Amino acid sequence: MITIEYCREMARYNAWQNRGQMEIFKSMKPAELRKDRKAFFGSVFATANHLLWADQLWMSRFDGGLGPKSGGADSVNLHEDLQLFLDDRLRTDARIERWAKGLNQIDLVGPLTYYSVMSDREFSKPMALCAVHFFNHQTHHRGQIHAMLTAAGQRPDDTDLVLMPDDA
């Protein structure tokens, strides 16, 4: 289904896109980041928090490390402080890249069994499908953030994967 090269490229893409959005977050007033923009999670900051929370949850499933301490209902409140969020986002992106760089093709074969806090039940799904879902989930929510930032008068960078710089 997928290769380790796909995971590595998508981990690099994730970090590149997040760095661009974080630069915009730092330039915005807290009230603008938290303004209800009628998106699924409401605000830019709530959506960014949910995405970080989900990335940490999936990484705990993939690498066996720690996941978020809060449950799914609190995912939008992972961090109240922007700087704490930014620091955690950078650490998590580095964790994702380390995981992807350490993958062997065999790591993507077979099932991943995990407990979903959002569904309150256990799942067993193909590991390759879980990895695709992980990266797709990131892209989905970053797209929501991109739209909210644009509507707020910001100018987010291009999101086209084929335009990612080689040194990103």
Protein backbone atom coordinates (compact mmCIF):
# COMPACT_ATOMS: atom_id res chain seq x y z
CA MET A 1 0.00 0.00 0.00
CA ILE A 2 2.64 2.57 1.04
CA THR A 3 6.39 2.71 1.46
CA ILE A 4 8.74 4.02 4.11
CA GLU A 5 9.70 6.74 1.61
CA TYR A 6 6.07 7.91 1.60
CA CYS A 7 6.08 8.14 5.41
CA ARG A 8 9.36 10.05 5.41
CA GLU A 9 8.17 12.50 2.76
CA MET A 10 4.87 13.09 4.54
CA ALA A 11 6.64 13.60 7.89
CA ARG A 12 8.85 16.21 6.22
CA TYR A 13 5.77 17.82 4.60
CA ASN A 14 3.98 17.91 7.96
CA ALA A 15 6.87 19.71 9.65
CA TRP A 16 7.25 22.18 6.74
CA GLN A 17 3.56 23.08 6.77
CA ASN A 18 3.42 23.38 10.55
CA ARG A 19 6.44 25.70 10.63
CA GLY A 20 4.70 28.04 8.17
CA GLN A 21 1.48 28.09 10.14
CA MET A 22 3.31 28.60 13.43
CA GLU A 23 4.99 31.72 12.05
CA ILE A 24 1.55 33.14 11.30
CA PHE A 25 0.26 32.14 14.76
CA LYS A 26 3.08 34.14 16.37
CA SER A 27 2.09 37.24 14.40
CA MET A 28 -1.58 37.09 15.40
CA LYS A 29 -3.23 38.50 18.50
CA PRO A 30 -4.46 35.83 20.93
CA ALA A 31 -8.08 36.90 20.42
CA GLU A 32 -7.74 36.37 16.66
CA LEU A 33 -6.31 32.87 17.16
CA ARG A 34 -9.17 31.99 19.50
CA LYS A 35 -11.99 33.67 17.59
CA ASP A 36 -14.83 31.30 16.69
CA ARG A 37 -14.63 31.00 12.92
CA LYS A 38 -17.49 28.49 12.64
CA ALA A 39 -15.14 25.65 11.76
CA PHE A 40 -15.62 22.14 13.17
CA PHE A 41 -13.46 22.92 16.23
CA GLY A 42 -14.31 26.62 16.20
CA SER A 43 -11.06 28.54 16.17
CA VAL A 44 -7.63 28.34 14.59
CA PHE A 45 -6.07 27.60 17.98
CA ALA A 46 -8.61 24.94 18.96
CA THR A 47 -8.11 23.16 15.63
CA ALA A 48 -4.32 23.38 15.96
CA ASN A 49 -4.55 21.97 19.49
CA HIS A 50 -6.73 19.09 18.31
CA LEU A 51 -4.29 18.28 15.53
CA LEU A 52 -1.33 18.29 17.92
CA TRP A 53 -3.27 16.11 20.37
CA ALA A 54 -4.15 13.61 17.63
CA ASP A 55 -0.57 13.53 16.34
CA GLN A 56 0.65 12.71 19.84
CA LEU A 57 -2.00 10.04 20.24
CA TRP A 58 -1.13 8.34 16.94
CA MET A 59 2.58 8.56 17.67
CA SER A 60 2.04 6.81 21.01
CA ARG A 61 0.42 3.99 19.04
CA PHE A 62 3.21 3.93 16.47
CA ASP A 63 6.30 4.31 18.65
CA GLY A 64 5.03 3.15 22.04
CA GLY A 65 5.91 6.49 23.66
CA LEU A 66 3.74 8.79 25.68
CA GLY A 67 0.46 10.09 24.35
CA PRO A 68 -1.56 13.10 25.45
CA LYS A 69 -2.76 13.11 29.03
CA SER A 70 -6.20 14.49 28.18
CA GLY A 71 -9.05 12.69 26.50
CA GLY A 72 -10.55 13.42 23.11
CA ALA A 73 -13.15 15.86 24.40
CA ASP A 74 -10.32 18.04 25.73
CA SER A 75 -8.17 17.84 22.59
CA VAL A 76 -9.00 21.44 21.66
CA ASN A 77 -7.63 22.63 25.01
CA LEU A 78 -4.31 20.79 24.94
CA HIS A 79 -2.47 24.09 25.48
CA GLU A 80 -3.81 27.45 26.58
CA ASP A 81 -0.46 29.21 26.11
CA LEU A 82 0.74 29.80 22.55
CA GLN A 83 4.45 29.39 23.34
CA LEU A 84 3.83 26.06 25.09
CA PHE A 85 1.85 24.96 22.05
CA LEU A 86 4.62 26.04 19.65
CA ASP A 87 7.30 24.22 21.65
CA ASP A 88 5.20 21.06 21.87
CA ARG A 89 4.38 21.22 18.15
CA LEU A 90 8.09 21.39 17.27
CA ARG A 91 8.92 18.48 19.59
CA THR A 92 6.08 16.39 18.16
CA ASP A 93 7.10 17.10 14.57
CA ALA A 94 10.65 16.02 15.40
CA ARG A 95 9.23 12.84 16.97
CA ILE A 96 7.23 12.11 13.81
CA GLU A 97 10.31 12.61 11.63
CA ARG A 98 12.44 10.34 13.88
CA TRP A 99 9.76 7.65 13.71
CA ALA A 100 9.53 7.88 9.92
CA LYS A 101 13.32 7.83 9.47
CA GLY A 102 13.56 4.73 11.65
CA LEU A 103 10.93 2.74 9.76
CA ASN A 104 11.66 -0.45 7.89
CA GLN A 105 9.23 -1.64 5.22
CA ILE A 106 8.20 -4.56 7.43
CA ASP A 107 7.01 -2.06 10.08
CA LEU A 108 4.14 -1.13 7.76
CA VAL A 109 2.97 -4.74 7.39
CA GLY A 110 0.37 -6.38 9.61
CA PRO A 111 -2.22 -5.00 12.00
CA LEU A 112 -2.05 -2.22 14.54
CA THR A 113 -4.35 -2.88 17.47
CA TYR A 114 -5.24 0.13 19.59
CA TYR A 115 -7.94 1.57 21.82
CA SER A 116 -9.75 4.62 20.44
CA VAL A 117 -10.67 7.13 23.10
CA MET A 118 -12.92 8.92 20.61
CA SER A 119 -14.91 5.75 19.77
CA ASP A 120 -14.47 4.11 23.19
CA ARG A 121 -13.50 0.75 21.68
CA GLU A 122 -10.61 -1.31 20.40
CA PHE A 123 -9.66 -1.42 16.72
CA SER A 124 -7.30 -3.59 14.74
CA LYS A 125 -6.44 -2.08 11.36
CA PRO A 126 -3.61 -2.56 8.86
CA MET A 127 -0.58 -0.55 9.97
CA ALA A 128 -0.15 0.92 6.48
CA LEU A 129 -3.74 2.18 6.53
CA CYS A 130 -3.18 3.73 9.98
CA ALA A 131 -0.09 5.56 8.70
CA VAL A 132 -2.01 6.88 5.68
CA HIS A 133 -4.84 7.98 7.96
CA PHE A 134 -2.36 9.73 10.27
CA PHE A 135 -0.91 11.86 7.49
CA ASN A 136 -4.31 12.43 5.86
CA HIS A 137 -5.75 13.63 9.19
CA GLN A 138 -2.93 16.17 9.46
CA THR A 139 -3.55 17.48 5.96
CA HIS A 140 -7.30 17.68 6.56
CA HIS A 141 -7.03 19.83 9.68
CA ARG A 142 -4.17 21.96 8.37
CA GLY A 143 -6.43 22.69 5.39
CA GLN A 144 -9.11 23.90 7.80
CA ILE A 145 -6.54 26.08 9.56
CA HIS A 146 -5.30 27.41 6.21
CA ALA A 147 -8.86 28.42 5.26
CA MET A 148 -9.46 30.11 8.62
CA LEU A 149 -6.15 31.98 8.40
CA THR A 150 -6.97 33.15 4.88
CA ALA A 151 -10.42 34.30 5.99
CA ALA A 152 -8.74 36.20 8.85
CA GLY A 153 -6.66 38.16 6.33
CA GLN A 154 -3.44 36.18 6.75
CA ARG A 155 -1.38 34.87 3.83
CA PRO A 156 -0.41 31.25 4.50
CA ASP A 157 2.26 29.68 2.33
CA ASP A 158 1.46 27.33 -0.51
CA THR A 159 0.33 23.86 0.57
CA ASP A 160 1.16 21.95 -2.60
CA LEU A 161 3.29 18.94 -1.76
CA VAL A 162 5.13 19.19 -5.08
CA LEU A 163 6.26 22.73 -4.17
CA MET A 164 7.93 21.69 -0.92
CA PRO A 165 11.56 22.87 -0.97
CA ASP A 166 14.20 20.13 -0.96
CA ASP A 167 15.66 21.58 2.23
CA ALA A 168 12.32 21.72 4.09
